[in-house]
């Protein structure tokens, strides 16, 4: 199968502020797709499928993006020190510890310290190892495809 990545979208009423936060606070690497439109390389990703039930579903979420970390308490302190709006205190969900981040322009992203095995750390079908998510969310560099796209511009 030819699926080789996941491209996510965040819709924001303040896209320039959100792009600046992702670049400067979270320190995600990016390529400029033209006119300052940044496309960010993300840490390893995984996708879960949940039933139509539970706290997030009842809150109106139908799709949810989470930034994973190894130490949610430390990560929250670092993000708050950088001006990120972290909502409340961490909540133990059993499968992991979560809280919500309110990002510029009305974007909500979950911050998540998982307690289950991480699919993103499993070697791919081509037997390449993928790095484990780090507590500092922006340390991983974009993949080969994103680096190539950056050279084309």
C-alpha atoms as a PDB file:
ATOM      1  CA  UNK A   1       0.000   0.000   0.000  1.00  0.00           C
ATOM      2  CA  UNK A   2       1.247   3.487  -0.810  1.00  0.00           C
ATOM      3  CA  UNK A   3       0.233   5.293   2.404  1.00  0.00           C
ATOM      4  CA  UNK A   4       3.487   6.774   3.692  1.00  0.00           C
ATOM      5  CA  UNK A   5       2.464   9.474   6.149  1.00  0.00           C
ATOM      6  CA  UNK A   6      -0.265  11.382   7.916  1.00  0.00           C
ATOM      7  CA  UNK A   7      -0.985  15.047   7.160  1.00  0.00           C
ATOM      8  CA  UNK A   8      -3.043  16.822   9.808  1.00  0.00           C
ATOM      9  CA  UNK A   9      -4.790  20.183   9.631  1.00  0.00           C
ATOM     10  CA  UNK A  10      -5.466  22.718  12.369  1.00  0.00           C
ATOM     11  CA  UNK A  11      -8.002  25.397  11.490  1.00  0.00           C
ATOM     12  CA  UNK A  12      -7.392  28.712  13.244  1.00  0.00           C
ATOM     13  CA  UNK A  13      -8.849  32.207  13.138  1.00  0.00           C
ATOM     14  CA  UNK A  14      -5.266  33.339  13.861  1.00  0.00           C
ATOM     15  CA  UNK A  15      -3.108  31.157  11.583  1.00  0.00           C
ATOM     16  CA  UNK A  16      -0.011  33.395  11.735  1.00  0.00           C
ATOM     17  CA  UNK A  17      -0.005  33.299  15.563  1.00  0.00           C
ATOM     18  CA  UNK A  18      -0.559  29.548  15.616  1.00  0.00           C
ATOM     19  CA  UNK A  19       2.227  28.935  13.071  1.00  0.00           C
ATOM     20  CA  UNK A  20       4.577  31.132  15.132  1.00  0.00           C
ATOM     21  CA  UNK A  21       3.714  29.186  18.313  1.00  0.00           C
ATOM     22  CA  UNK A  22       4.286  25.818  16.643  1.00  0.00           C
ATOM     23  CA  UNK A  23       7.620  27.074  15.287  1.00  0.00           C
ATOM     24  CA  UNK A  24       8.887  29.084  18.276  1.00  0.00           C
ATOM     25  CA  UNK A  25       7.334  27.467  21.368  1.00  0.00           C
ATOM     26  CA  UNK A  26       6.942  23.830  20.327  1.00  0.00           C
ATOM     27  CA  UNK A  27      10.043  24.110  18.095  1.00  0.00           C
ATOM     28  CA  UNK A  28       8.573  21.945  15.336  1.00  0.00           C
ATOM     29  CA  UNK A  29      10.719  21.980  12.192  1.00  0.00           C
ATOM     30  CA  UNK A  30       8.967  23.238   9.080  1.00  0.00           C
ATOM     31  CA  UNK A  31       9.196  23.906   5.383  1.00  0.00           C
ATOM     32  CA  UNK A  32       7.745  27.015   3.744  1.00  0.00           C
ATOM     33  CA  UNK A  33       5.183  25.916   1.162  1.00  0.00           C
ATOM     34  CA  UNK A  34       5.175  29.459  -0.211  1.00  0.00           C
ATOM     35  CA  UNK A  35       4.201  32.854   1.144  1.00  0.00           C
ATOM     36  CA  UNK A  36       5.045  31.951   4.733  1.00  0.00           C
ATOM     37  CA  UNK A  37       2.641  28.996   4.742  1.00  0.00           C
ATOM     38  CA  UNK A  38       4.555  26.643   7.037  1.00  0.00           C
ATOM     39  CA  UNK A  39       4.119  22.863   6.911  1.00  0.00           C
ATOM     40  CA  UNK A  40       5.441  21.304  10.115  1.00  0.00           C
ATOM     41  CA  UNK A  41       7.358  18.063  10.521  1.00  0.00           C
ATOM     42  CA  UNK A  42       5.830  16.205  13.430  1.00  0.00           C
ATOM     43  CA  UNK A  43       7.141  13.711  15.948  1.00  0.00           C
ATOM     44  CA  UNK A  44       6.209  10.054  15.317  1.00  0.00           C
ATOM     45  CA  UNK A  45       2.462   9.587  14.985  1.00  0.00           C
ATOM     46  CA  UNK A  46      -0.137   6.933  15.674  1.00  0.00           C
ATOM     47  CA  UNK A  47      -3.877   6.732  15.103  1.00  0.00           C
ATOM     48  CA  UNK A  48      -6.477   5.312  17.476  1.00  0.00           C
ATOM     49  CA  UNK A  49     -10.139   4.563  16.776  1.00  0.00           C
ATOM     50  CA  UNK A  50     -12.511   5.138  19.696  1.00  0.00           C
ATOM     51  CA  UNK A  51     -16.249   4.449  20.087  1.00  0.00           C
ATOM     52  CA  UNK A  52     -18.866   7.206  20.209  1.00  0.00           C
ATOM     53  CA  UNK A  53     -18.723   7.513  23.995  1.00  0.00           C
ATOM     54  CA  UNK A  54     -16.726   9.035  26.813  1.00  0.00           C
ATOM     55  CA  UNK A  55     -15.667  12.463  27.995  1.00  0.00           C
ATOM     56  CA  UNK A  56     -14.140  13.675  24.713  1.00  0.00           C
ATOM     57  CA  UNK A  57     -17.114  12.541  22.622  1.00  0.00           C
ATOM     58  CA  UNK A  58     -19.552  14.162  25.066  1.00  0.00           C
ATOM     59  CA  UNK A  59     -17.519  17.402  24.815  1.00  0.00           C
ATOM     60  CA  UNK A  60     -18.263  17.460  21.079  1.00  0.00           C
ATOM     61  CA  UNK A  61     -14.955  16.115  19.727  1.00  0.00           C
ATOM     62  CA  UNK A  62     -15.342  13.939  16.658  1.00  0.00           C
ATOM     63  CA  UNK A  63     -11.655  14.022  15.742  1.00  0.00           C
ATOM     64  CA  UNK A  64      -8.929  14.867  18.215  1.00  0.00           C
ATOM     65  CA  UNK A  65      -5.245  15.618  17.816  1.00  0.00           C
ATOM     66  CA  UNK A  66      -2.944  14.853  20.740  1.00  0.00           C
ATOM     67  CA  UNK A  67       0.649  15.868  21.367  1.00  0.00           C
ATOM     68  CA  UNK A  68       2.270  12.970  23.237  1.00  0.00           C
ATOM     69  CA  UNK A  69       4.921  13.425  25.911  1.00  0.00           C
ATOM     70  CA  UNK A  70       6.842  11.285  28.393  1.00  0.00           C
ATOM     71  CA  UNK A  71       6.318  13.495  31.468  1.00  0.00           C
ATOM     72  CA  UNK A  72       3.109  15.536  31.339  1.00  0.00           C
ATOM     73  CA  UNK A  73       3.821  17.476  34.553  1.00  0.00           C
ATOM     74  CA  UNK A  74       7.201  18.673  33.282  1.00  0.00           C
ATOM     75  CA  UNK A  75       5.830  19.404  29.802  1.00  0.00           C
ATOM     76  CA  UNK A  76       2.922  21.434  31.216  1.00  0.00           C
ATOM     77  CA  UNK A  77       5.342  23.525  33.297  1.00  0.00           C
ATOM     78  CA  UNK A  78       7.543  24.157  30.239  1.00  0.00           C
ATOM     79  CA  UNK A  79       4.571  25.097  28.048  1.00  0.00           C
ATOM     80  CA  UNK A  80       3.006  27.391  30.661  1.00  0.00           C
ATOM     81  CA  UNK A  81       6.386  29.131  31.100  1.00  0.00           C
ATOM     82  CA  UNK A  82       6.316  29.811  27.342  1.00  0.00           C
ATOM     83  CA  UNK A  83       2.793  31.260  27.468  1.00  0.00           C
ATOM     84  CA  UNK A  84       0.766  28.278  26.245  1.00  0.00           C
ATOM     85  CA  UNK A  85      -2.782  28.163  27.663  1.00  0.00           C
ATOM     86  CA  UNK A  86      -2.910  24.793  29.433  1.00  0.00           C
ATOM     87  CA  UNK A  87      -6.454  24.140  30.651  1.00  0.00           C
ATOM     88  CA  UNK A  88      -6.675  22.855  34.214  1.00  0.00           C
ATOM     89  CA  UNK A  89      -4.571  20.104  35.675  1.00  0.00           C
ATOM     90  CA  UNK A  90      -3.739  16.666  34.261  1.00  0.00           C
ATOM     91  CA  UNK A  91      -6.521  14.082  34.377  1.00  0.00           C
ATOM     92  CA  UNK A  92      -5.787  10.374  34.846  1.00  0.00           C
ATOM     93  CA  UNK A  93      -7.877   8.578  32.208  1.00  0.00           C
ATOM     94  CA  UNK A  94      -6.512   5.104  33.037  1.00  0.00           C
ATOM     95  CA  UNK A  95      -4.997   4.606  29.557  1.00  0.00           C
ATOM     96  CA  UNK A  96      -2.935   7.757  30.120  1.00  0.00           C
ATOM     97  CA  UNK A  97      -2.840  11.241  31.588  1.00  0.00           C
ATOM     98  CA  UNK A  98      -4.380  14.108  29.609  1.00  0.00           C
ATOM     99  CA  UNK A  99      -5.089  17.806  29.597  1.00  0.00           C
ATOM    100  CA  UNK A 100      -6.129  20.232  26.885  1.00  0.00           C
ATOM    101  CA  UNK A 101      -4.112  23.022  25.290  1.00  0.00           C
ATOM    102  CA  UNK A 102      -5.896  26.071  23.921  1.00  0.00           C
ATOM    103  CA  UNK A 103      -3.804  27.348  21.020  1.00  0.00           C
ATOM    104  CA  UNK A 104      -4.208  30.625  19.075  1.00  0.00           C
ATOM    105  CA  UNK A 105      -7.308  31.015  16.962  1.00  0.00           C
ATOM    106  CA  UNK A 106      -9.566  28.602  18.825  1.00  0.00           C
ATOM    107  CA  UNK A 107      -7.533  25.402  18.309  1.00  0.00           C
ATOM    108  CA  UNK A 108      -7.746  22.745  20.999  1.00  0.00           C
ATOM    109  CA  UNK A 109      -5.113  20.011  21.158  1.00  0.00           C
ATOM    110  CA  UNK A 110      -4.841  17.339  23.827  1.00  0.00           C
ATOM    111  CA  UNK A 111      -1.561  16.898  25.688  1.00  0.00           C
ATOM    112  CA  UNK A 112      -1.198  13.199  26.407  1.00  0.00           C
ATOM    113  CA  UNK A 113       1.160  11.007  28.442  1.00  0.00           C
ATOM    114  CA  UNK A 114       0.208   7.496  27.290  1.00  0.00           C
ATOM    115  CA  UNK A 115       0.447   4.436  29.524  1.00  0.00           C
ATOM    116  CA  UNK A 116      -0.078   1.917  26.715  1.00  0.00           C
ATOM    117  CA  UNK A 117       2.508   0.604  24.246  1.00  0.00           C
ATOM    118  CA  UNK A 118       3.281   3.235  21.613  1.00  0.00           C
ATOM    119  CA  UNK A 119       2.652   2.146  18.028  1.00  0.00           C
ATOM    120  CA  UNK A 120       4.910   4.923  16.709  1.00  0.00           C
ATOM    121  CA  UNK A 121       7.928   3.185  18.283  1.00  0.00           C
ATOM    122  CA  UNK A 122       7.329  -0.075  16.368  1.00  0.00           C
ATOM    123  CA  UNK A 123       9.703  -0.580  13.412  1.00  0.00           C
ATOM    124  CA  UNK A 124       7.954  -0.075  10.082  1.00  0.00           C
ATOM    125  CA  UNK A 125       7.462  -2.755   7.444  1.00  0.00           C
ATOM    126  CA  UNK A 126      10.845  -1.782   5.976  1.00  0.00           C
ATOM    127  CA  UNK A 127      12.480  -2.636   9.326  1.00  0.00           C
ATOM    128  CA  UNK A 128      13.477   0.948  10.095  1.00  0.00           C
ATOM    129  CA  UNK A 129      13.377   2.021  13.714  1.00  0.00           C
ATOM    130  CA  UNK A 130      11.307   5.030  14.604  1.00  0.00           C
ATOM    131  CA  UNK A 131      12.339   7.195  17.559  1.00  0.00           C
ATOM    132  CA  UNK A 132      10.121   7.229  20.633  1.00  0.00           C
ATOM    133  CA  UNK A 133       8.241  10.474  21.339  1.00  0.00           C
ATOM    134  CA  UNK A 134      10.205  12.754  23.622  1.00  0.00           C
ATOM    135  CA  UNK A 135       9.016  14.956  26.476  1.00  0.00           C
ATOM    136  CA  UNK A 136      10.279  17.929  24.495  1.00  0.00           C
ATOM    137  CA  UNK A 137       7.781  17.806  21.678  1.00  0.00           C
ATOM    138  CA  UNK A 138       9.796  19.508  18.938  1.00  0.00           C
ATOM    139  CA  UNK A 139      13.078  17.587  18.891  1.00  0.00           C
ATOM    140  CA  UNK A 140      12.332  15.217  16.035  1.00  0.00           C
ATOM    141  CA  UNK A 141      13.289  16.401  12.568  1.00  0.00           C
ATOM    142  CA  UNK A 142      10.923  16.164   9.602  1.00  0.00           C
ATOM    143  CA  UNK A 143      11.056  13.040   7.488  1.00  0.00           C
ATOM    144  CA  UNK A 144      12.896  12.544   4.218  1.00  0.00           C
ATOM    145  CA  UNK A 145       9.860  13.652   2.224  1.00  0.00           C
ATOM    146  CA  UNK A 146       9.537  16.964   4.105  1.00  0.00           C
ATOM    147  CA  UNK A 147      13.293  17.624   3.793  1.00  0.00           C
ATOM    148  CA  UNK A 148      13.111  16.953   0.063  1.00  0.00           C
ATOM    149  CA  UNK A 149      10.142  19.315  -0.269  1.00  0.00           C
ATOM    150  CA  UNK A 150      12.149  22.024   1.483  1.00  0.00           C
ATOM    151  CA  UNK A 151      15.020  21.643  -1.029  1.00  0.00           C
ATOM    152  CA  UNK A 152      12.655  22.020  -3.986  1.00  0.00           C
ATOM    153  CA  UNK A 153      11.633  25.537  -3.062  1.00  0.00           C
END
